[in-house]
């Protein structure tokens, strides 16, 4: 009865976190997690202490690095995890009819009050086989958490890493706008992409919900449908615009634009009737709505013979009233060449009409921009200021999945290891700590995995480590002396309670960019990068050897 009362109060609670509920629900999982839970329960092992690690085996996109992301969503999920009566009722309908009712009572009583999570901070550099999450708690519950946690980490880290690659190509000066919502894999994928593209280095998103829920800066221009919906014969309800200073009478912006059109066409060597009147009317309507932020989409008809002169006529009309147009967008054709031609016209008109700011008006481009096109747009001499990227950032076409896994490493305090014929799928046993070792120049050089019980490594102290070789070949030790080091995992969630606040998205974004700036150029290369080294401590390596030998003897 108390549980049912709590359920009803929860349903009515005005403080419920709708974003947490949207992140994932307890039954967003694989059915075999449920069947294993029943088997654990019947075997009397539901509450055995266990630990799982969540990691990936290879860095995505052929890179030597990834970005850790999705932690904030995991924390929201764990804080609100519970199976509601309707969930349990459904499970009863799909499990064997004779299932003990006490099992369903156990499920309905589950929460994460016994779960502890150590994790790499969101926005950290992450490398293969180094756990992103270390999750400890009751065995049955941890098994149920596997699929949701993988779902929350896999795509977030993948798309953040993809965004980081695109930022590295673009360089620090170009502004990047994520605009892939309409191409994303569903609404959840769209929100996740917009959130973690921003973390990975994009400046803004077209996704309004990401702005509302996650604080991602939103931006956008206008579409061809808006431009082509005007014929030029419309009579706008609002025609007058007050000068930016607030001084002087309102002016008819359409009339003012027409007076400038002839001057612009003369400057560009065009006939006044060449620019499309409907396009001009659309620009005027947009300028009346956004006089402080007027932008023009130039390629609905012809960039040089219509879009550009119409934009200039409206921009100069606005300038006469004390406003400054903020930008134009190109969405087809040779974007690099067109941007250079548009910039040249801006410079000429700025000089001709004595409007100096016109030459620096922002030029935005979009249209199926991938890494190859972006490389061209980012080259020296490009006049592009803002680049809108959709499909190639949110769908991650070079690699559709990061391939994170969630593996049992200890149960009842004893190390566990998966051994298979595929050496890459073998796991590292035991509860572990991870450290990042740095060179005297401050660049990360190696991530060290060791058993949690071992004393931490010391700065300036020589270490003998065993580089991780997942190919199954001979692995030789090496010695090194770290100039500095840091532990990689922080305690975020302890026995159901948050131990420290998750940094804001903007703070995680800053961490990602700072971390990437310290990574050596050889590791940041997008093609044929130098692999980043991950190594084992002597004690962990010895445990690995011992378990492998025991397995051979047992077989």
Protein backbone atom coordinates (compact mmCIF):
# COMPACT_ATOMS: atom_id res chain seq x y z
CA UNK A 1 0.00 0.00 0.00
CA UNK A 2 2.82 2.42 0.87
CA UNK A 3 4.46 1.70 -2.47
CA UNK A 4 1.20 2.32 -4.34
CA UNK A 5 0.66 5.57 -2.45
CA UNK A 6 4.18 6.67 -3.36
CA UNK A 7 3.45 5.85 -6.99
CA UNK A 8 0.33 8.02 -6.98
CA UNK A 9 2.18 10.89 -5.29
CA UNK A 10 4.98 10.59 -7.82
CA UNK A 11 2.50 10.85 -10.69
CA UNK A 12 1.11 14.08 -9.22
CA UNK A 13 4.46 15.56 -8.14
CA UNK A 14 4.92 19.00 -9.74
CA UNK A 15 8.68 18.71 -9.16
CA UNK A 16 9.04 15.69 -11.43
CA UNK A 17 11.89 16.06 -13.88
CA UNK A 18 10.36 15.63 -17.36
CA UNK A 19 13.82 15.65 -18.94
CA UNK A 20 14.88 12.72 -16.75
CA UNK A 21 11.77 10.82 -17.79
CA UNK A 22 12.47 11.64 -21.43
CA UNK A 23 16.08 10.42 -21.18
CA UNK A 24 15.04 6.79 -20.84
CA UNK A 25 12.72 4.52 -18.89
CA UNK A 26 13.49 1.36 -16.97
CA UNK A 27 11.96 -0.88 -19.65
CA UNK A 28 14.00 0.66 -22.44
CA UNK A 29 16.14 -2.43 -22.24
CA UNK A 30 16.77 -5.80 -23.87
CA UNK A 31 14.51 -8.68 -22.90
CA UNK A 32 17.42 -10.90 -21.96
CA UNK A 33 18.23 -8.50 -19.11
CA UNK A 34 14.82 -9.39 -17.66
CA UNK A 35 15.28 -13.13 -18.15
CA UNK A 36 18.73 -12.99 -16.51
CA UNK A 37 17.26 -11.00 -13.64
CA UNK A 38 14.73 -13.76 -13.01
CA UNK A 39 17.47 -16.41 -13.14
CA UNK A 40 19.67 -14.41 -10.71
CA UNK A 41 16.71 -14.04 -8.35
CA UNK A 42 15.82 -17.72 -8.43
CA UNK A 43 19.48 -18.61 -7.82
CA UNK A 44 19.51 -16.39 -4.73
CA UNK A 45 22.11 -14.05 -6.24
CA UNK A 46 20.06 -10.87 -6.75
CA UNK A 47 21.86 -8.89 -4.03
CA UNK A 48 25.41 -10.15 -4.56
CA UNK A 49 27.86 -7.22 -4.81
CA UNK A 50 29.23 -6.81 -8.32
CA UNK A 51 30.96 -4.32 -10.56
CA UNK A 52 30.63 -3.67 -14.28
CA UNK A 53 32.73 -1.42 -16.52
CA UNK A 54 31.49 0.43 -19.58
CA UNK A 55 34.14 1.04 -22.26
CA UNK A 56 34.81 0.85 -25.99
CA UNK A 57 37.37 -1.33 -27.72
CA UNK A 58 38.40 0.96 -30.58
CA UNK A 59 38.37 4.72 -31.02
CA UNK A 60 35.77 5.78 -33.59
CA UNK A 61 36.30 7.05 -37.15
CA UNK A 62 39.87 5.75 -37.27
CA UNK A 63 40.84 8.42 -34.74
CA UNK A 64 43.12 7.86 -31.77
CA UNK A 65 40.75 9.57 -29.33
CA UNK A 66 37.12 9.93 -28.33
CA UNK A 67 35.19 12.29 -26.07
CA UNK A 68 33.33 10.94 -23.04
CA UNK A 69 29.70 12.08 -23.13
CA UNK A 70 26.29 11.07 -21.86
CA UNK A 71 27.14 11.10 -18.15
CA UNK A 72 24.53 13.76 -17.32
CA UNK A 73 21.84 11.60 -18.90
CA UNK A 74 23.03 8.55 -16.97
CA UNK A 75 22.80 10.45 -13.69
CA UNK A 76 19.26 11.60 -14.49
CA UNK A 77 18.32 8.03 -15.33
CA UNK A 78 19.80 6.53 -12.15
CA UNK A 79 18.18 9.14 -9.91
CA UNK A 80 14.73 8.32 -11.25
CA UNK A 81 15.09 4.60 -11.98
CA UNK A 82 12.12 2.56 -10.89
CA UNK A 83 9.70 0.04 -12.32
CA UNK A 84 6.14 1.29 -12.05
CA UNK A 85 3.11 -0.98 -11.59
CA UNK A 86 2.31 -0.86 -15.30
CA UNK A 87 5.90 -1.93 -16.09
CA UNK A 88 5.75 -4.89 -13.74
CA UNK A 89 2.33 -5.87 -15.04
CA UNK A 90 3.72 -5.95 -18.58
CA UNK A 91 6.72 -8.07 -17.51
CA UNK A 92 4.37 -10.53 -15.87
CA UNK A 93 2.60 -10.89 -19.22
CA UNK A 94 5.77 -11.84 -21.11
CA UNK A 95 7.50 -14.05 -18.52
CA UNK A 96 6.43 -17.64 -17.87
CA UNK A 97 2.97 -17.89 -16.27
CA UNK A 98 4.30 -19.73 -13.22
CA UNK A 99 6.82 -17.05 -12.29
CA UNK A 100 6.89 -16.50 -8.52
CA UNK A 101 4.96 -13.29 -7.65
CA UNK A 102 7.72 -12.47 -5.15
CA UNK A 103 10.02 -11.78 -8.11
CA UNK A 104 7.71 -9.06 -9.36
CA UNK A 105 7.49 -7.61 -5.86
CA UNK A 106 11.28 -7.49 -5.86
CA UNK A 107 11.32 -5.68 -9.21
CA UNK A 108 8.77 -3.13 -8.06
CA UNK A 109 10.90 -2.36 -5.02
CA UNK A 110 14.06 -1.70 -7.00
CA UNK A 111 15.79 1.66 -7.06
CA UNK A 112 19.42 2.76 -7.31
CA UNK A 113 19.97 3.38 -3.59
CA UNK A 114 22.60 0.62 -3.62
CA UNK A 115 24.42 1.75 -6.78
CA UNK A 116 27.74 3.59 -6.97
CA UNK A 117 29.20 5.09 -10.15
CA UNK A 118 32.73 6.29 -10.82
CA UNK A 119 33.16 7.95 -14.20
CA UNK A 120 35.35 10.05 -16.41
CA UNK A 121 34.08 13.64 -16.41
CA UNK A 122 31.88 14.59 -19.33
CA UNK A 123 33.98 16.16 -22.08
CA UNK A 124 37.14 14.24 -21.13
CA UNK A 125 39.38 12.62 -23.68
CA UNK A 126 38.69 8.91 -23.67
CA UNK A 127 40.68 6.02 -25.08
CA UNK A 128 40.05 2.38 -25.92
CA UNK A 129 39.60 -0.04 -22.99
CA UNK A 130 39.71 2.71 -20.35
CA UNK A 131 36.33 2.59 -18.56
CA UNK A 132 34.00 5.51 -19.09
CA UNK A 133 31.84 4.24 -16.20
CA UNK A 134 32.56 1.88 -13.31
CA UNK A 135 29.22 0.77 -11.86
CA UNK A 136 28.96 -1.21 -8.61
CA UNK A 137 25.98 -2.50 -6.67
CA UNK A 138 23.60 -5.49 -6.49
CA UNK A 139 24.16 -7.95 -9.32
CA UNK A 140 20.55 -8.21 -10.54
CA UNK A 141 20.06 -4.44 -10.63
CA UNK A 142 23.36 -3.79 -12.40
CA UNK A 143 22.33 -6.28 -15.06
CA UNK A 144 19.10 -4.34 -15.64
CA UNK A 145 21.10 -1.11 -16.01
CA UNK A 146 23.31 -2.42 -18.83
CA UNK A 147 21.26 -1.57 -21.91
CA UNK A 148 20.00 1.87 -20.79
CA UNK A 149 23.51 3.00 -19.80
CA UNK A 150 24.97 1.78 -23.08
CA UNK A 151 22.18 3.51 -24.97
CA UNK A 152 22.87 6.79 -23.15
CA UNK A 153 26.67 6.70 -23.52
CA UNK A 154 27.21 5.15 -26.97
CA UNK A 155 25.60 7.72 -29.24
CA UNK A 156 26.37 10.73 -27.05
CA UNK A 157 30.10 9.93 -27.08
CA UNK A 158 30.05 9.06 -30.78
CA UNK A 159 28.38 12.27 -31.92
CA UNK A 160 30.48 14.42 -29.56
CA UNK A 161 33.62 12.86 -31.04
CA UNK A 162 32.32 13.39 -34.57
CA UNK A 163 31.64 17.04 -33.76
CA UNK A 164 35.14 17.37 -32.31
CA UNK A 165 36.66 16.02 -35.53
CA UNK A 166 34.70 18.55 -37.56
CA UNK A 167 35.83 21.32 -35.21
CA UNK A 168 39.46 20.26 -35.66
CA UNK A 169 39.02 20.45 -39.44
CA UNK A 170 37.25 23.82 -39.31
CA UNK A 171 39.79 25.37 -36.96
CA UNK A 172 39.00 27.72 -34.10
CA UNK A 173 37.76 30.71 -36.12
CA UNK A 174 34.91 29.28 -38.19
CA UNK A 175 31.55 29.14 -36.45
CA UNK A 176 29.78 25.78 -36.69
CA UNK A 177 25.99 25.43 -36.60
CA UNK A 178 24.48 21.97 -36.06
CA UNK A 179 21.31 21.74 -38.13
CA UNK A 180 20.65 18.01 -38.35
CA UNK A 181 17.39 17.60 -36.45
CA UNK A 182 15.39 16.72 -39.56
CA UNK A 183 17.99 14.09 -40.50
CA UNK A 184 18.42 12.60 -37.01
CA UNK A 185 17.34 9.12 -35.98
CA UNK A 186 14.13 10.18 -34.29
CA UNK A 187 13.34 12.86 -31.71
CA UNK A 188 15.56 11.39 -28.97
CA UNK A 189 18.45 11.11 -31.41
CA UNK A 190 17.87 14.69 -32.52
CA UNK A 191 17.99 16.08 -28.98
CA UNK A 192 21.04 13.99 -28.10
CA UNK A 193 22.85 15.06 -31.27
CA UNK A 194 22.22 18.75 -30.70
CA UNK A 195 23.32 18.51 -27.08
CA UNK A 196 26.54 16.65 -27.66
CA UNK A 197 27.52 18.36 -30.92
CA UNK A 198 27.66 21.49 -28.80
CA UNK A 199 29.82 19.68 -26.24
CA UNK A 200 32.08 18.50 -29.07
CA UNK A 201 32.78 22.03 -30.27
CA UNK A 202 29.88 23.33 -32.35
CA UNK A 203 28.82 26.88 -31.52
CA UNK A 204 25.06 26.55 -31.81
CA UNK A 205 22.15 24.40 -32.97
CA UNK A 206 18.96 24.91 -34.93
CA UNK A 207 17.17 22.65 -32.39
CA UNK A 208 14.89 24.80 -30.25
CA UNK A 209 14.18 22.01 -27.75
CA UNK A 210 17.92 21.60 -27.15
CA UNK A 211 17.97 25.28 -26.32
CA UNK A 212 15.07 25.03 -23.92
CA UNK A 213 16.09 21.82 -22.14
CA UNK A 214 19.87 21.84 -22.40
CA UNK A 215 20.85 25.48 -22.80
CA UNK A 216 22.40 24.99 -26.23
CA UNK A 217 22.63 28.36 -28.06
CA UNK A 218 20.09 28.32 -30.89
CA UNK A 219 20.51 29.96 -34.28
CA UNK A 220 18.99 29.93 -37.72
CA UNK A 221 18.30 31.95 -40.84
CA UNK A 222 15.37 31.43 -43.20
CA UNK A 223 14.33 28.81 -45.73
CA UNK A 224 13.71 28.89 -49.47
CA UNK A 225 10.02 28.29 -48.77
CA UNK A 226 9.82 31.65 -47.03
CA UNK A 227 11.50 33.40 -49.96
CA UNK A 228 9.51 31.68 -52.69
CA UNK A 229 6.19 32.22 -50.89
CA UNK A 230 6.38 35.91 -51.85
CA UNK A 231 5.51 37.14 -55.34
CA UNK A 232 6.16 40.82 -54.76
CA UNK A 233 2.50 41.80 -55.04
CA UNK A 234 1.74 41.34 -51.33
CA UNK A 235 0.66 44.27 -49.21
CA UNK A 236 2.37 43.78 -45.84
CA UNK A 237 0.46 44.76 -42.72
CA UNK A 238 3.60 46.32 -41.32
CA UNK A 239 5.52 48.55 -43.72
CA UNK A 240 7.01 51.24 -41.51
CA UNK A 241 10.23 50.97 -39.53
CA UNK A 242 11.37 53.38 -36.85
CA UNK A 243 15.05 54.41 -37.00
CA UNK A 244 17.34 52.43 -34.70
CA UNK A 245 18.05 55.54 -32.65
CA UNK A 246 14.36 55.95 -31.90
CA UNK A 247 14.64 59.47 -33.25
CA UNK A 248 12.74 60.59 -36.33
CA UNK A 249 9.58 59.39 -38.04
CA UNK A 250 9.05 55.77 -39.18
CA UNK A 251 9.97 55.10 -42.81
CA UNK A 252 8.43 52.76 -45.38
CA UNK A 253 11.11 50.04 -45.72
CA UNK A 254 9.77 48.75 -49.05
CA UNK A 255 9.93 52.20 -50.61
CA UNK A 256 13.37 52.80 -49.16
CA UNK A 257 14.57 49.43 -50.51
CA UNK A 258 13.30 50.24 -54.02
CA UNK A 259 15.19 53.53 -53.94
CA UNK A 260 18.40 51.67 -53.18
CA UNK A 261 17.83 48.89 -55.72
CA UNK A 262 18.63 51.03 -58.72
CA UNK A 263 21.87 52.24 -57.14
CA UNK A 264 22.91 48.70 -56.26
CA UNK A 265 22.13 47.35 -59.75
CA UNK A 266 24.09 50.19 -61.33
CA UNK A 267 27.05 49.38 -59.09
CA UNK A 268 26.83 45.67 -60.01
CA UNK A 269 26.19 46.23 -63.71
CA UNK A 270 22.66 44.77 -63.61
CA UNK A 271 19.31 45.89 -64.92
CA UNK A 272 16.93 46.97 -62.16
CA UNK A 273 14.32 44.45 -63.29
CA UNK A 274 16.69 41.46 -63.00
CA UNK A 275 16.45 40.85 -59.23
CA UNK A 276 13.33 38.85 -58.37
CA UNK A 277 10.62 41.08 -56.81
CA UNK A 278 9.19 38.28 -54.68
CA UNK A 279 12.59 37.56 -53.18
CA UNK A 280 13.02 41.27 -52.41
CA UNK A 281 9.58 41.37 -50.77
CA UNK A 282 10.56 38.35 -48.64
CA UNK A 283 13.76 40.08 -47.55
CA UNK A 284 11.84 43.24 -46.65
CA UNK A 285 9.32 41.22 -44.63
CA UNK A 286 12.11 39.46 -42.75
CA UNK A 287 13.93 42.75 -42.16
CA UNK A 288 10.77 44.30 -40.73
CA UNK A 289 10.52 41.38 -38.30
CA UNK A 290 14.26 41.38 -37.48
CA UNK A 291 15.75 44.82 -38.26
CA UNK A 292 18.61 44.19 -35.79
CA UNK A 293 19.37 40.72 -37.19
CA UNK A 294 18.52 40.78 -40.88
CA UNK A 295 19.88 37.88 -42.90
CA UNK A 296 19.39 36.93 -46.51
CA UNK A 297 19.23 33.53 -48.20
CA UNK A 298 20.78 34.27 -51.58
CA UNK A 299 20.30 31.23 -53.81
CA UNK A 300 16.53 30.88 -54.26
CA UNK A 301 16.81 32.19 -57.83
CA UNK A 302 20.28 33.47 -58.74
CA UNK A 303 22.93 34.45 -56.23
CA UNK A 304 24.68 37.15 -58.23
CA UNK A 305 21.76 38.46 -60.32
CA UNK A 306 18.99 38.36 -57.74
CA UNK A 307 19.77 37.27 -54.19
CA UNK A 308 22.81 39.46 -53.67
CA UNK A 309 21.44 42.71 -55.16
CA UNK A 310 18.14 42.24 -53.31
CA UNK A 311 20.01 41.67 -50.05
CA UNK A 312 22.17 44.73 -50.62
CA UNK A 313 19.18 46.93 -51.38
CA UNK A 314 17.48 45.92 -48.12
CA UNK A 315 20.73 46.10 -46.13
CA UNK A 316 21.47 49.63 -47.37
CA UNK A 317 17.88 50.68 -46.67
CA UNK A 318 18.30 49.40 -43.13
CA UNK A 319 21.66 51.16 -42.86
CA UNK A 320 19.97 54.45 -43.72
CA UNK A 321 17.81 53.90 -40.63
CA UNK A 322 20.80 52.99 -38.45
CA UNK A 323 20.59 49.17 -38.58
CA UNK A 324 23.24 46.67 -39.66
CA UNK A 325 22.47 43.49 -41.57
CA UNK A 326 24.18 40.51 -39.97
CA UNK A 327 24.65 37.93 -42.69
CA UNK A 328 23.82 35.94 -45.79
CA UNK A 329 23.58 32.22 -46.46
CA UNK A 330 24.50 30.14 -49.51
CA UNK A 331 22.92 26.71 -49.83
CA UNK A 332 23.89 25.38 -53.27
CA UNK A 333 26.58 25.41 -55.91
CA UNK A 334 30.31 25.91 -55.34
CA UNK A 335 30.11 27.35 -51.86
CA UNK A 336 33.76 28.36 -51.61
CA UNK A 337 33.83 30.19 -54.93
CA UNK A 338 30.48 31.87 -54.35
CA UNK A 339 31.56 33.04 -50.89
CA UNK A 340 34.67 34.63 -52.40
CA UNK A 341 32.59 36.35 -55.08
CA UNK A 342 30.04 37.61 -52.55
CA UNK A 343 32.81 38.94 -50.29
CA UNK A 344 34.34 40.78 -53.23
CA UNK A 345 31.00 42.45 -53.94
CA UNK A 346 30.61 43.36 -50.27
CA UNK A 347 34.00 45.04 -50.29
CA UNK A 348 33.26 46.97 -53.47
CA UNK A 349 29.85 48.13 -52.23
CA UNK A 350 31.23 49.03 -48.80
CA UNK A 351 33.68 51.35 -50.51
CA UNK A 352 31.26 52.63 -53.16
CA UNK A 353 28.45 53.44 -50.73
CA UNK A 354 30.78 54.34 -47.85
CA UNK A 355 29.34 51.71 -45.52
CA UNK A 356 32.53 50.15 -44.02
CA UNK A 357 30.82 47.42 -41.96
CA UNK A 358 29.29 45.90 -45.10
CA UNK A 359 32.55 44.26 -46.14
CA UNK A 360 32.58 42.18 -42.94
CA UNK A 361 29.01 40.86 -43.15
CA UNK A 362 29.00 37.18 -42.15
CA UNK A 363 28.75 34.58 -44.92
CA UNK A 364 27.15 31.28 -43.92
CA UNK A 365 27.11 28.14 -46.04
CA UNK A 366 25.25 24.84 -45.89
CA UNK A 367 24.39 21.91 -48.18
CA UNK A 368 25.52 18.35 -47.37
CA UNK A 369 28.83 19.43 -45.89
CA UNK A 370 31.05 16.50 -44.91
CA UNK A 371 34.67 16.30 -43.79
CA UNK A 372 36.01 16.64 -47.35
CA UNK A 373 33.90 19.70 -48.16
CA UNK A 374 34.63 21.22 -44.75
CA UNK A 375 38.37 20.86 -45.34
CA UNK A 376 37.98 22.94 -48.49
CA UNK A 377 35.81 25.56 -46.80
CA UNK A 378 38.29 25.89 -43.93
CA UNK A 379 41.33 26.50 -46.14
CA UNK A 380 43.27 29.75 -46.02
CA UNK A 381 41.59 32.44 -48.09
CA UNK A 382 38.09 31.10 -47.57
CA UNK A 383 35.61 33.91 -46.99
CA UNK A 384 33.15 31.66 -45.16
CA UNK A 385 32.39 32.64 -41.56
CA UNK A 386 29.69 30.17 -40.50
CA UNK A 387 29.16 26.59 -41.64
CA UNK A 388 25.90 24.74 -41.12
CA UNK A 389 26.27 20.96 -40.92
CA UNK A 390 23.40 18.51 -40.58
CA UNK A 391 23.43 14.96 -41.91
CA UNK A 392 27.16 14.31 -41.66
CA UNK A 393 27.36 15.29 -38.02
CA UNK A 394 24.19 13.76 -36.55
CA UNK A 395 24.21 10.47 -38.51
CA UNK A 396 27.98 9.86 -38.14
CA UNK A 397 28.23 8.26 -41.60
CA UNK A 398 31.87 7.21 -41.20
CA UNK A 399 30.90 4.99 -38.25
CA UNK A 400 27.31 4.59 -37.10
CA UNK A 401 28.07 3.17 -33.64
CA UNK A 402 30.82 3.59 -31.07
CA UNK A 403 30.50 -0.02 -29.92
CA UNK A 404 30.64 0.52 -26.16
CA UNK A 405 30.29 -2.62 -24.06
CA UNK A 406 29.37 -3.21 -20.40
CA UNK A 407 31.28 -6.07 -18.85
CA UNK A 408 31.31 -7.76 -15.46
CA UNK A 409 34.75 -7.37 -13.83
CA UNK A 410 34.08 -8.59 -10.29
CA UNK A 411 31.44 -10.36 -8.23
CA UNK A 412 31.57 -10.91 -4.45
CA UNK A 413 34.91 -9.13 -4.55
CA UNK A 414 36.47 -11.70 -6.88
CA UNK A 415 37.80 -10.66 -10.31
CA UNK A 416 35.93 -11.95 -13.37
CA UNK A 417 37.25 -12.21 -16.90
CA UNK A 418 35.69 -13.11 -20.22
CA UNK A 419 37.92 -15.33 -22.35
CA UNK A 420 37.01 -16.04 -25.97
CA UNK A 421 38.68 -17.15 -29.18
CA UNK A 422 38.48 -13.48 -30.25
CA UNK A 423 41.30 -11.85 -28.27
CA UNK A 424 39.85 -8.38 -28.83
CA UNK A 425 36.73 -9.40 -26.88
CA UNK A 426 38.62 -10.62 -23.82
CA UNK A 427 38.08 -8.41 -20.78
CA UNK A 428 40.33 -7.03 -18.07
CA UNK A 429 39.46 -8.44 -14.64
CA UNK A 430 38.99 -6.73 -11.32
CA UNK A 431 37.90 -3.38 -9.97
CA UNK A 432 40.27 -0.85 -11.46
CA UNK A 433 41.59 2.68 -11.15
CA UNK A 434 42.82 4.68 -14.14
CA UNK A 435 45.42 7.42 -14.38
CA UNK A 436 46.55 9.70 -17.17
CA UNK A 437 50.27 10.33 -17.43
CA UNK A 438 51.63 13.55 -18.93
CA UNK A 439 54.86 14.65 -20.56
CA UNK A 440 56.88 17.64 -19.26
CA UNK A 441 55.13 19.71 -21.96
CA UNK A 442 51.72 18.84 -20.53
CA UNK A 443 50.63 16.44 -23.29
CA UNK A 444 48.97 13.16 -22.30
CA UNK A 445 51.22 10.25 -23.23
CA UNK A 446 49.65 7.17 -21.66
CA UNK A 447 46.61 5.98 -19.70
CA UNK A 448 47.44 3.50 -16.94
CA UNK A 449 44.99 0.87 -15.70
CA UNK A 450 45.70 -0.76 -12.35
CA UNK A 451 43.79 -2.64 -9.67
CA UNK A 452 41.91 -0.30 -7.37
CA UNK A 453 43.69 -1.76 -4.35
CA UNK A 454 47.12 -0.68 -5.65
CA UNK A 455 48.74 2.53 -4.42
CA UNK A 456 48.46 5.33 -6.97
CA UNK A 457 51.46 6.12 -9.19
CA UNK A 458 53.59 9.10 -8.22
CA UNK A 459 54.81 12.06 -10.24
CA UNK A 460 58.53 11.80 -10.96
CA UNK A 461 58.65 8.12 -9.96
CA UNK A 462 59.70 5.53 -12.52
CA UNK A 463 56.98 3.08 -13.48
CA UNK A 464 57.11 -0.28 -15.18
CA UNK A 465 53.97 -0.79 -17.26
CA UNK A 466 52.67 -3.24 -19.83
CA UNK A 467 51.19 -1.69 -22.98
CA UNK A 468 47.83 -3.22 -23.76
CA UNK A 469 47.93 -5.48 -26.80
CA UNK A 470 44.47 -6.72 -27.73
CA UNK A 471 45.76 -8.58 -30.77
CA UNK A 472 47.04 -11.43 -28.62
CA UNK A 473 50.66 -10.87 -29.59
CA UNK A 474 53.65 -10.66 -27.26
CA UNK A 475 53.53 -7.62 -25.01
CA UNK A 476 56.76 -6.22 -23.62
CA UNK A 477 56.96 -3.93 -20.65
CA UNK A 478 58.35 -0.42 -20.73
CA UNK A 479 59.44 2.04 -18.09
CA UNK A 480 58.58 5.73 -17.95
CA UNK A 481 58.56 8.58 -15.49
CA UNK A 482 55.49 10.82 -15.61
CA UNK A 483 56.09 14.55 -15.28
CA UNK A 484 52.53 14.82 -13.96
CA UNK A 485 49.46 12.64 -13.72
CA UNK A 486 45.80 12.67 -12.74
CA UNK A 487 43.20 10.09 -11.75
CA UNK A 488 40.61 9.68 -14.50
CA UNK A 489 37.59 8.56 -12.50
CA UNK A 490 35.58 10.69 -10.13
CA UNK A 491 32.89 9.52 -7.73
CA UNK A 492 29.65 11.01 -9.05
CA UNK A 493 27.01 8.68 -7.57
CA UNK A 494 27.34 6.85 -4.25
CA UNK A 495 24.62 4.58 -2.87
CA UNK A 496 21.92 6.43 -4.74
CA UNK A 497 23.12 9.95 -3.98
CA UNK A 498 24.87 12.46 -6.20
CA UNK A 499 28.32 13.15 -4.75
CA UNK A 500 29.07 16.23 -6.81
CA UNK A 501 27.12 18.22 -9.37
CA UNK A 502 27.54 17.40 -13.02
CA UNK A 503 29.23 20.40 -14.69
CA UNK A 504 27.07 22.47 -16.98
CA UNK A 505 27.05 21.63 -20.67
CA UNK A 506 29.07 24.77 -21.38
CA UNK A 507 31.67 23.72 -18.78
CA UNK A 508 31.91 20.24 -20.29
CA UNK A 509 32.32 21.81 -23.72
CA UNK A 510 35.17 23.96 -22.40
CA UNK A 511 36.82 20.87 -20.87
CA UNK A 512 36.61 19.05 -24.21
CA UNK A 513 38.28 21.88 -26.09
CA UNK A 514 40.94 22.32 -23.40
CA UNK A 515 41.68 18.59 -23.35
CA UNK A 516 42.00 18.45 -27.12
CA UNK A 517 44.36 21.41 -27.09
CA UNK A 518 46.80 19.41 -24.92
CA UNK A 519 46.67 16.31 -27.10
CA UNK A 520 49.66 16.02 -29.42
CA UNK A 521 49.15 16.81 -33.09
CA UNK A 522 50.19 13.27 -34.02
CA UNK A 523 47.31 11.91 -31.95
CA UNK A 524 44.87 14.50 -33.30
CA UNK A 525 45.58 13.70 -36.94
CA UNK A 526 42.36 12.60 -38.56
CA UNK A 527 44.10 10.29 -41.03
CA UNK A 528 46.61 7.68 -39.87
CA UNK A 529 46.98 9.12 -36.35
CA UNK A 530 49.57 7.80 -33.95
CA UNK A 531 47.78 5.33 -31.64
CA UNK A 532 47.45 6.51 -28.05
CA UNK A 533 48.94 4.10 -25.57
CA UNK A 534 47.00 2.40 -22.79
CA UNK A 535 48.98 0.23 -20.38
CA UNK A 536 48.50 -2.09 -17.40
CA UNK A 537 50.27 -2.00 -14.07
CA UNK A 538 52.54 -4.89 -13.18
CA UNK A 539 50.00 -6.26 -10.71
CA UNK A 540 47.09 -6.11 -13.17
CA UNK A 541 49.24 -7.68 -15.87
CA UNK A 542 50.24 -10.47 -13.48
CA UNK A 543 46.57 -11.10 -12.60
CA UNK A 544 45.75 -11.30 -16.28
CA UNK A 545 48.50 -13.84 -16.85
CA UNK A 546 47.44 -15.87 -13.82
CA UNK A 547 43.80 -16.07 -14.90
CA UNK A 548 44.80 -16.99 -18.45
CA UNK A 549 47.04 -19.79 -17.15
CA UNK A 550 44.33 -21.08 -14.82
CA UNK A 551 41.91 -21.16 -17.73
CA UNK A 552 44.34 -23.16 -19.86
CA UNK A 553 44.94 -25.62 -17.02
CA UNK A 554 41.20 -25.97 -16.44
CA UNK A 555 40.58 -26.79 -20.10
